[in-house]
C-alpha atoms as a PDB file:
ATOM      1  CA  MET A   1      68.611 132.888 125.758  1.00  0.00           C
ATOM      2  CA  ALA A   2      71.875 131.532 126.807  1.00  0.00           C
ATOM      3  CA  LEU A   3      72.070 129.115 123.938  1.00  0.00           C
ATOM      4  CA  ASN A   4      71.438 132.207 121.438  1.00  0.00           C
ATOM      5  CA  ARG A   5      74.194 134.367 123.373  1.00  0.00           C
ATOM      6  CA  SER A   6      76.688 131.322 123.160  1.00  0.00           C
ATOM      7  CA  ALA A   7      76.192 131.178 119.269  1.00  0.00           C
ATOM      8  CA  LYS A   8      76.241 134.922 119.026  1.00  0.00           C
ATOM      9  CA  ASN A   9      79.713 134.764 120.576  1.00  0.00           C
ATOM     10  CA  ARG A  10      80.821 132.159 118.591  1.00  0.00           C
ATOM     11  CA  LYS A  11      79.935 133.723 115.262  1.00  0.00           C
ATOM     12  CA  ASP A  12      81.525 137.142 116.842  1.00  0.00           C
ATOM     13  CA  ARG A  13      84.873 135.256 117.448  1.00  0.00           C
ATOM     14  CA  CYS A  14      84.710 133.599 114.176  1.00  0.00           C
ATOM     15  CA  VAL A  15      84.039 136.792 112.246  1.00  0.00           C
ATOM     16  CA  ALA A  16      86.780 138.573 114.289  1.00  0.00           C
ATOM     17  CA  ALA A  17      89.371 135.612 113.565  1.00  0.00           C
ATOM     18  CA  THR A  18      88.438 135.938 109.699  1.00  0.00           C
ATOM     19  CA  LEU A  19      89.253 139.872 109.671  1.00  0.00           C
ATOM     20  CA  ILE A  20      92.123 139.260 111.413  1.00  0.00           C
ATOM     21  CA  GLY A  21      93.175 136.564 109.424  1.00  0.00           C
ATOM     22  CA  LEU A  22      92.097 138.660 106.145  1.00  0.00           C
ATOM     23  CA  LEU A  23      94.364 141.438 107.426  1.00  0.00           C
ATOM     24  CA  LEU A  24      97.199 139.347 108.288  1.00  0.00           C
ATOM     25  CA  LEU A  25      97.233 137.299 105.026  1.00  0.00           C
ATOM     26  CA  ALA A  26      96.384 140.270 102.651  1.00  0.00           C
ATOM     27  CA  GLY A  27      98.192 140.020  99.132  1.00  0.00           C
ATOM     28  CA  THR A  28      98.874 136.539  99.123  1.00  0.00           C
ATOM     29  CA  THR A  29      98.212 135.045  95.717  1.00  0.00           C
ATOM     30  CA  LYS A  30     100.271 131.747  95.432  1.00  0.00           C
ATOM     31  CA  ALA A  31      98.990 128.937  97.667  1.00  0.00           C
ATOM     32  CA  ALA A  32      95.549 129.574  99.254  1.00  0.00           C
ATOM     33  CA  PRO A  33      95.352 130.425 103.056  1.00  0.00           C
ATOM     34  CA  ILE A  34      92.914 128.353 104.758  1.00  0.00           C
ATOM     35  CA  GLN A  35      90.848 129.037 108.167  1.00  0.00           C
ATOM     36  CA  CYS A  36      90.222 126.110 110.259  1.00  0.00           C
ATOM     37  CA  GLU A  37      87.576 125.728 112.996  1.00  0.00           C
ATOM     38  CA  ILE A  38      88.926 123.500 115.574  1.00  0.00           C
ATOM     39  CA  LYS A  39      86.207 121.219 117.440  1.00  0.00           C
ATOM     40  CA  ASN A  40      87.719 122.150 120.745  1.00  0.00           C
ATOM     41  CA  SER A  41      85.235 122.585 123.550  1.00  0.00           C
ATOM     42  CA  THR A  42      88.075 124.948 125.611  1.00  0.00           C
ATOM     43  CA  GLY A  43      88.482 127.057 122.835  1.00  0.00           C
ATOM     44  CA  LEU A  44      92.481 126.626 123.410  1.00  0.00           C
ATOM     45  CA  PRO A  45      92.665 127.612 120.201  1.00  0.00           C
ATOM     46  CA  SER A  46      89.265 127.747 118.747  1.00  0.00           C
ATOM     47  CA  GLN A  47      90.304 129.037 114.875  1.00  0.00           C
ATOM     48  CA  LEU A  48      93.476 128.615 113.196  1.00  0.00           C
ATOM     49  CA  ILE A  49      94.615 130.550 109.937  1.00  0.00           C
ATOM     50  CA  VAL A  50      97.407 129.510 107.948  1.00  0.00           C
ATOM     51  CA  ASP A  51      99.152 130.890 104.933  1.00  0.00           C
ATOM     52  CA  PRO A  52     101.752 128.410 103.283  1.00  0.00           C
ATOM     53  CA  THR A  53     102.865 131.239 100.783  1.00  0.00           C
ATOM     54  CA  THR A  54     103.871 133.844 103.657  1.00  0.00           C
ATOM     55  CA  LYS A  55     104.377 131.083 106.302  1.00  0.00           C
ATOM     56  CA  LYS A  56     102.439 133.525 108.522  1.00  0.00           C
ATOM     57  CA  ALA A  57      99.918 131.844 111.021  1.00  0.00           C
ATOM     58  CA  MET A  58      97.304 133.122 113.327  1.00  0.00           C
ATOM     59  CA  ALA A  59      95.576 131.273 116.280  1.00  0.00           C
ATOM     60  CA  TYR A  60      92.428 132.519 118.090  1.00  0.00           C
ATOM     61  CA  PHE A  61      92.292 131.511 121.759  1.00  0.00           C
ATOM     62  CA  SER A  62      88.675 132.073 123.206  1.00  0.00           C
ATOM     63  CA  GLY A  63      88.864 134.542 126.079  1.00  0.00           C
ATOM     64  CA  PHE A  64      92.504 135.475 125.103  1.00  0.00           C
ATOM     65  CA  GLY A  65      92.324 136.592 121.707  1.00  0.00           C
ATOM     66  CA  PRO A  66      94.263 136.335 118.530  1.00  0.00           C
ATOM     67  CA  MET A  67      98.158 135.190 118.716  1.00  0.00           C
ATOM     68  CA  PHE A  68     100.558 135.301 115.631  1.00  0.00           C
ATOM     69  CA  GLY A  69     103.159 132.785 114.552  1.00  0.00           C
ATOM     70  CA  THR A  70     104.947 131.147 111.959  1.00  0.00           C
ATOM     71  CA  VAL A  71     104.253 128.179 109.647  1.00  0.00           C
ATOM     72  CA  THR A  72     107.464 126.188 110.392  1.00  0.00           C
ATOM     73  CA  LEU A  73     107.267 123.292 108.314  1.00  0.00           C
ATOM     74  CA  ILE A  74     104.892 122.223 105.266  1.00  0.00           C
ATOM     75  CA  ARG A  75     105.142 118.484 104.209  1.00  0.00           C
ATOM     76  CA  ASP A  76     103.058 116.149 101.993  1.00  0.00           C
ATOM     77  CA  HIS A  77     100.486 113.796 103.635  1.00  0.00           C
ATOM     78  CA  ASP A  78      98.770 111.396 101.416  1.00  0.00           C
ATOM     79  CA  GLY A  79      99.018 114.138  98.765  1.00  0.00           C
ATOM     80  CA  ARG A  80      97.759 117.048 101.050  1.00  0.00           C
ATOM     81  CA  ALA A  81      99.590 119.732 103.056  1.00  0.00           C
ATOM     82  CA  LYS A  82     100.551 118.898 106.768  1.00  0.00           C
ATOM     83  CA  TYR A  83     101.535 121.817 108.900  1.00  0.00           C
ATOM     84  CA  ASN A  84     103.762 122.741 111.720  1.00  0.00           C
ATOM     85  CA  ILE A  85     103.196 126.011 113.416  1.00  0.00           C
ATOM     86  CA  HIS A  86     104.676 127.786 116.015  1.00  0.00           C
ATOM     87  CA  ILE A  87     102.962 130.749 117.640  1.00  0.00           C
ATOM     88  CA  PRO A  88     104.822 132.735 120.817  1.00  0.00           C
ATOM     89  CA  SER A  89     102.335 133.427 123.623  1.00  0.00           C
ATOM     90  CA  THR A  90     101.112 136.567 124.551  1.00  0.00           C
ATOM     91  CA  LYS A  91      99.619 135.477 127.545  1.00  0.00           C
ATOM     92  CA  ARG A  92     101.952 133.838 130.265  1.00  0.00           C
ATOM     93  CA  LEU A  93      98.999 131.808 131.824  1.00  0.00           C
ATOM     94  CA  LEU A  94      98.988 129.721 128.798  1.00  0.00           C
ATOM     95  CA  GLY A  95     102.457 129.171 128.608  1.00  0.00           C
ATOM     96  CA  ASP A  96     105.546 130.755 126.693  1.00  0.00           C
ATOM     97  CA  GLU A  97     104.901 129.338 123.130  1.00  0.00           C
ATOM     98  CA  PHE A  98     102.642 126.832 121.488  1.00  0.00           C
ATOM     99  CA  GLU A  99     103.504 124.074 118.810  1.00  0.00           C
ATOM    100  CA  PHE A 100     100.498 122.805 116.572  1.00  0.00           C
ATOM    101  CA  VAL A 101     100.347 120.176 113.957  1.00  0.00           C
ATOM    102  CA  LEU A 102      97.448 120.503 111.156  1.00  0.00           C
ATOM    103  CA  SER A 103      97.035 117.356 109.684  1.00  0.00           C
ATOM    104  CA  PRO A 104      94.732 116.153 106.768  1.00  0.00           C
ATOM    105  CA  THR A 105      92.559 113.394 107.395  1.00  0.00           C
ATOM    106  CA  GLU A 106      89.871 111.491 105.158  1.00  0.00           C
ATOM    107  CA  ARG A 107      87.052 113.558 106.622  1.00  0.00           C
ATOM    108  CA  GLY A 108      88.837 116.739 106.984  1.00  0.00           C
ATOM    109  CA  HIS A 109      91.548 117.655 109.393  1.00  0.00           C
ATOM    110  CA  ARG A 110      93.064 116.864 112.947  1.00  0.00           C
ATOM    111  CA  PHE A 111      94.654 119.453 115.134  1.00  0.00           C
ATOM    112  CA  PHE A 112      96.731 118.809 117.853  1.00  0.00           C
ATOM    113  CA  GLY A 113      99.186 120.708 120.083  1.00  0.00           C
ATOM    114  CA  VAL A 114     101.168 121.349 123.271  1.00  0.00           C
ATOM    115  CA  ALA A 115     102.320 124.523 124.969  1.00  0.00           C
ATOM    116  CA  TYR A 116     106.041 125.083 126.371  1.00  0.00           C
ATOM    117  CA  GLU A 117     107.280 126.906 129.411  1.00  0.00           C
ATOM    118  CA  THR A 118     110.848 127.635 129.921  1.00  0.00           C
ATOM    119  CA  ILE A 119     111.992 127.385 133.459  1.00  0.00           C
ATOM    120  CA  GLU A 120     115.776 127.878 134.266  1.00  0.00           C
ATOM    121  CA  GLY A 121     116.824 128.155 130.645  1.00  0.00           C
ATOM    122  CA  LYS A 122     115.013 124.609 129.869  1.00  0.00           C
ATOM    123  CA  ARG A 123     112.138 124.043 127.921  1.00  0.00           C
ATOM    124  CA  TYR A 124     109.132 121.748 129.258  1.00  0.00           C
ATOM    125  CA  ILE A 125     105.838 120.815 127.839  1.00  0.00           C
ATOM    126  CA  SER A 126     103.221 122.695 130.106  1.00  0.00           C
ATOM    127  CA  TYR A 127     100.010 121.789 128.420  1.00  0.00           C
ATOM    128  CA  ASN A 128      98.714 119.191 126.225  1.00  0.00           C
ATOM    129  CA  HIS A 129      95.937 120.997 124.069  1.00  0.00           C
ATOM    130  CA  GLY A 130      94.544 117.559 122.827  1.00  0.00           C
ATOM    131  CA  VAL A 131      93.816 116.237 119.534  1.00  0.00           C
ATOM    132  CA  PHE A 132      90.518 117.509 117.985  1.00  0.00           C
ATOM    133  CA  ASP A 133      88.999 117.427 114.528  1.00  0.00           C
ATOM    134  CA  ALA A 134      88.931 120.648 112.530  1.00  0.00           C
ATOM    135  CA  LYS A 135      86.748 122.007 109.615  1.00  0.00           C
ATOM    136  CA  CYS A 136      88.922 123.709 107.217  1.00  0.00           C
ATOM    137  CA  GLY A 137      88.445 125.586 104.103  1.00  0.00           C
ATOM    138  CA  PRO A 138      89.991 128.735 102.056  1.00  0.00           C
ATOM    139  CA  ILE A 139      89.356 132.200 103.507  1.00  0.00           C
ATOM    140  CA  ALA A 140      87.170 133.928 101.396  1.00  0.00           C
ATOM    141  CA  GLN A 141      88.796 136.724  99.532  1.00  0.00           C
ATOM    142  CA  PRO A 142      87.007 140.145  99.222  1.00  0.00           C
ATOM    143  CA  PRO A 143      85.833 140.954  95.911  1.00  0.00           C
ATOM    144  CA  SER A 144      88.117 142.622  93.509  1.00  0.00           C
ATOM    145  CA  GLN A 145      87.158 146.329  92.675  1.00  0.00           C
END
């Protein structure tokens, strides 16, 4: 029973992240936005959506919800895009801001990142999010009418 509830919660979070992402990224026509499921057991974050055209990004944090930010750098990595992402935190408990990197690999993508905290005007790393595999793909666009 707990396993089924866990699977349902995960599916609900995925659906919520996708819907938020579609609202955030509506109207994009150039480079396709991507959605990534991060293989991170803590869920900090569990989903990432990146739109290279608008430079908008969204990370979904299990237990805390979505947080929105900016793609700060896109560069070539073996013929594919590598992204740096900055997301201000809406939950002080997690830090003041996040910096993530989404990098392509031979088998998909790798995600890593840190949280920063500002103390007396100086910025410090307060949390290492770790390095995780990510499964990324294009966001399904709603059918044209």
